[in-house]
Amino acid sequence: MGRTSDAKERILSAAQTLIELRGYSALGVAEICKAAGVPKGSFYYFFTSKEDLALAVIDEHWAGQRSNWNRILQNDDPPLHRLRQLFEATEADQRAGQQSCGTVSGCLFGNLTLEMSNQTEALRERLQQIFEAQVDMVDKVITEARERDEVTVADTHEAARSVVAQLEGQVLFAKLYNNTQRLNALWTNCLALLGATAPDRAQEPPAIPVR
């Protein structure tokens, strides 16, 4: 295997797809290598174990998601508009996934949390760090909205935690029922959760491209 090959990227891509479709525990290294089209020796050149691979998959997925969240949550639109755009981007991602493979795949982080958080400490810690980072990102937006008197929550950090939990939970229901319409209530629920004082101004945010 040439050292400049794309074997590592193919392994990561195949592993993420398989984890999203079937979960982590049921997968074996041989199956991942077969899906990636690489020999088993290539796997162990890049990864010491299946857990090591899972951590790399999580990190790569988070790098892309964090970039997308930053692009949405740090743009120049009003804070509640930005928060709604995040929900719309999440809905669009889930619908695209359903159209691609026929089922709602849910959230990679949520799926792995449910499956592995009590079994593998390294994965649990990494997933915890990611969810805490998501909460911090949403907290900044809610704080801006409170400064504009658009929401009435007293503790913005706990409110952000509830918003992330609601987003994660609704995605879980969409996966359970294989129905992205389960995501339709996200924004209305969020406004109620935040005690929004200006819901009418937050109903129609400017369109933002979704990658």
Protein backbone atom coordinates (compact mmCIF):
# COMPACT_ATOMS: atom_id res chain seq x y z
CA MET A 1 0.00 0.00 0.00
CA GLY A 2 1.42 3.38 -1.00
CA ARG A 3 1.75 5.85 1.84
CA THR A 4 0.01 8.52 -0.24
CA SER A 5 -3.09 6.40 -0.92
CA ASP A 6 -6.59 7.36 0.17
CA ALA A 7 -6.98 4.16 2.18
CA LYS A 8 -7.47 5.95 5.49
CA GLU A 9 -10.20 8.19 4.12
CA ARG A 10 -11.94 5.18 2.54
CA ILE A 11 -11.84 3.29 5.84
CA LEU A 12 -13.26 6.28 7.71
CA SER A 13 -16.00 6.82 5.16
CA ALA A 14 -16.98 3.14 5.09
CA ALA A 15 -16.95 2.93 8.88
CA GLN A 16 -19.18 5.97 9.31
CA THR A 17 -21.70 4.66 6.78
CA LEU A 18 -21.80 1.23 8.39
CA ILE A 19 -22.05 2.65 11.92
CA GLU A 20 -24.94 4.89 10.88
CA LEU A 21 -26.76 1.99 9.24
CA ARG A 22 -26.03 -0.84 11.68
CA GLY A 23 -24.39 0.51 14.80
CA TYR A 24 -20.90 -0.04 16.19
CA SER A 25 -21.04 -3.34 18.06
CA ALA A 26 -22.18 -5.48 15.13
CA LEU A 27 -19.33 -4.43 12.88
CA GLY A 28 -16.06 -6.26 12.43
CA VAL A 29 -12.79 -5.00 11.04
CA ALA A 30 -12.99 -7.39 8.08
CA GLU A 31 -16.40 -6.04 7.07
CA ILE A 32 -15.21 -2.46 7.29
CA CYS A 33 -12.15 -3.26 5.16
CA LYS A 34 -14.30 -5.02 2.58
CA ALA A 35 -16.64 -2.04 2.32
CA ALA A 36 -13.66 0.30 2.03
CA GLY A 37 -11.95 -1.90 -0.56
CA VAL A 38 -8.68 -2.11 1.38
CA PRO A 39 -6.71 -5.06 2.82
CA LYS A 40 -6.91 -5.73 6.54
CA GLY A 41 -3.27 -4.77 6.94
CA SER A 42 -4.14 -1.25 5.85
CA PHE A 43 -6.58 -0.95 8.71
CA TYR A 44 -3.96 -1.72 11.33
CA TYR A 45 -1.49 0.61 9.70
CA PHE A 46 -3.82 3.53 10.47
CA PHE A 47 -5.78 2.32 13.51
CA THR A 48 -4.78 0.27 16.52
CA SER A 49 -8.28 -1.08 17.11
CA LYS A 50 -11.93 -0.73 16.16
CA GLU A 51 -12.35 1.66 19.09
CA ASP A 52 -9.53 3.80 17.73
CA LEU A 53 -11.34 3.88 14.40
CA ALA A 54 -14.62 4.85 16.07
CA LEU A 55 -12.91 7.77 17.78
CA ALA A 56 -11.49 8.90 14.45
CA VAL A 57 -14.94 8.65 12.84
CA ILE A 58 -16.42 10.73 15.65
CA ASP A 59 -13.70 13.36 15.33
CA GLU A 60 -14.04 13.64 11.56
CA HIS A 61 -17.83 13.88 11.75
CA TRP A 62 -17.62 16.50 14.50
CA ALA A 63 -15.12 18.58 12.52
CA GLY A 64 -17.62 18.84 9.67
CA GLN A 65 -20.61 19.42 11.92
CA ARG A 66 -18.83 22.01 14.06
CA SER A 67 -17.85 23.94 10.93
CA ASN A 68 -21.46 23.89 9.76
CA TRP A 69 -22.82 24.92 13.15
CA ASN A 70 -20.33 27.79 13.34
CA ARG A 71 -21.28 28.95 9.86
CA ILE A 72 -24.93 29.06 10.86
CA LEU A 73 -24.75 30.23 14.47
CA GLN A 74 -22.14 32.92 13.89
CA ASN A 75 -23.64 34.63 10.86
CA ASP A 76 -25.03 38.19 11.00
CA ASP A 77 -28.72 37.30 11.27
CA PRO A 78 -30.69 37.90 14.49
CA PRO A 79 -30.01 35.20 17.11
CA LEU A 80 -33.38 33.44 16.96
CA HIS A 81 -33.14 33.35 13.17
CA ARG A 82 -29.78 31.63 13.45
CA LEU A 83 -31.13 29.08 15.89
CA ARG A 84 -34.00 28.27 13.57
CA GLN A 85 -31.58 27.91 10.68
CA LEU A 86 -29.70 25.29 12.72
CA PHE A 87 -32.91 23.30 13.10
CA GLU A 88 -33.69 23.63 9.40
CA ALA A 89 -30.20 22.43 8.49
CA THR A 90 -30.67 19.42 10.79
CA GLU A 91 -34.00 18.59 9.16
CA ALA A 92 -32.48 18.92 5.69
CA ASP A 93 -29.60 16.59 6.62
CA GLN A 94 -31.98 13.93 7.92
CA ARG A 95 -34.19 14.15 4.84
CA ALA A 96 -31.17 13.91 2.56
CA GLY A 97 -30.00 10.84 4.42
CA GLN A 98 -33.41 9.22 4.12
CA GLN A 99 -33.52 9.88 0.39
CA SER A 100 -30.03 8.42 0.02
CA CYS A 101 -30.43 5.16 1.93
CA GLY A 102 -34.17 4.79 2.48
CA THR A 103 -34.11 5.23 6.25
CA VAL A 104 -33.61 8.10 8.69
CA SER A 105 -30.12 7.54 10.06
CA GLY A 106 -30.47 9.82 13.08
CA CYS A 107 -27.50 11.49 14.75
CA LEU A 108 -24.21 9.61 14.74
CA PHE A 109 -23.36 11.02 18.16
CA GLY A 110 -26.75 10.23 19.63
CA ASN A 111 -26.75 6.72 18.20
CA LEU A 112 -23.31 5.97 19.62
CA THR A 113 -24.25 7.50 22.97
CA LEU A 114 -27.21 5.16 23.30
CA GLU A 115 -25.23 2.14 22.16
CA MET A 116 -21.78 2.62 23.67
CA SER A 117 -21.65 5.22 26.45
CA ASN A 118 -21.85 2.61 29.21
CA GLN A 119 -19.39 0.26 27.55
CA THR A 120 -16.42 2.30 26.36
CA GLU A 121 -15.07 5.12 28.51
CA ALA A 122 -13.03 6.69 25.72
CA LEU A 123 -16.07 6.98 23.46
CA ARG A 124 -18.24 8.24 26.31
CA GLU A 125 -15.77 11.00 27.16
CA ARG A 126 -15.40 12.10 23.54
CA LEU A 127 -19.16 12.20 22.99
CA GLN A 128 -19.64 14.12 26.23
CA GLN A 129 -17.11 16.71 25.07
CA ILE A 130 -18.95 17.13 21.78
CA PHE A 131 -22.36 17.62 23.35
CA GLU A 132 -20.90 20.11 25.83
CA ALA A 133 -19.38 22.02 22.90
CA GLN A 134 -22.79 22.06 21.18
CA VAL A 135 -24.40 23.41 24.33
CA ASP A 136 -21.79 26.17 24.58
CA MET A 137 -22.40 27.18 20.96
CA VAL A 138 -26.17 27.38 21.46
CA ASP A 139 -25.71 29.16 24.80
CA LYS A 140 -23.98 32.07 23.05
CA VAL A 141 -26.93 32.49 20.70
CA ILE A 142 -29.52 32.32 23.48
CA THR A 143 -27.52 34.87 25.49
CA GLU A 144 -27.67 37.25 22.53
CA ALA A 145 -31.42 36.71 22.25
CA ARG A 146 -31.89 37.44 25.95
CA GLU A 147 -29.86 40.65 25.64
CA ARG A 148 -32.31 41.66 22.89
CA ASP A 149 -35.25 40.79 25.20
CA GLU A 150 -36.41 38.12 22.77
CA VAL A 151 -36.34 35.25 25.29
CA THR A 152 -37.08 35.15 29.00
CA VAL A 153 -34.99 32.24 30.29
CA ALA A 154 -32.95 33.00 33.39
CA ASP A 155 -30.20 30.42 32.90
CA THR A 156 -29.06 30.50 29.28
CA HIS A 157 -26.67 27.56 29.69
CA GLU A 158 -29.33 25.22 31.02
CA ALA A 159 -31.71 26.48 28.35
CA ALA A 160 -29.09 25.66 25.73
CA ARG A 161 -28.73 22.18 27.19
CA SER A 162 -32.49 21.72 26.88
CA VAL A 163 -32.47 22.96 23.28
CA VAL A 164 -29.71 20.51 22.32
CA ALA A 165 -31.54 17.72 24.17
CA GLN A 166 -34.76 18.54 22.33
CA LEU A 167 -32.97 18.57 18.99
CA GLU A 168 -31.33 15.24 19.76
CA GLY A 169 -34.57 13.73 21.03
CA GLN A 170 -36.62 14.76 18.01
CA VAL A 171 -33.97 13.33 15.68
CA LEU A 172 -34.16 10.11 17.70
CA PHE A 173 -37.94 9.98 17.19
CA ALA A 174 -37.50 10.65 13.47
CA LYS A 175 -35.15 7.66 13.33
CA LEU A 176 -37.45 5.48 15.44
CA TYR A 177 -40.48 6.15 13.24
CA ASN A 178 -38.42 6.56 10.04
CA ASN A 179 -40.34 9.77 9.51
CA THR A 180 -38.71 13.19 9.20
CA GLN A 181 -42.06 14.86 9.87
CA ARG A 182 -41.28 14.18 13.53
CA LEU A 183 -38.90 17.14 13.19
CA ASN A 184 -41.63 19.60 12.22
CA ALA A 185 -42.32 20.66 15.80
CA LEU A 186 -38.73 21.57 16.60
CA TRP A 187 -39.01 25.31 16.20
CA THR A 188 -42.37 25.77 17.91
CA ASN A 189 -41.15 23.71 20.86
CA CYS A 190 -37.92 25.70 21.00
CA LEU A 191 -39.74 29.03 21.17
CA ALA A 192 -41.90 27.72 24.02
CA LEU A 193 -38.86 26.31 25.82
CA LEU A 194 -37.03 29.64 25.62
CA GLY A 195 -40.06 31.71 26.58
CA ALA A 196 -39.69 33.69 23.37
CA THR A 197 -41.15 37.16 23.64
CA ALA A 198 -40.93 37.95 19.92
CA PRO A 199 -41.91 34.72 18.11
CA ASP A 200 -43.42 36.56 15.13
CA ARG A 201 -40.11 38.21 14.29
CA ALA A 202 -38.38 34.82 14.46
CA GLN A 203 -40.75 32.87 12.28
CA GLU A 204 -39.29 33.63 8.86
CA PRO A 205 -35.48 33.79 8.91
CA PRO A 206 -33.54 34.55 5.75
CA ALA A 207 -32.67 31.45 3.78
CA ILE A 208 -29.19 30.06 4.35
CA PRO A 209 -27.48 27.53 2.11
CA VAL A 210 -27.34 24.04 3.59
CA ARG A 211 -24.33 21.92 2.71
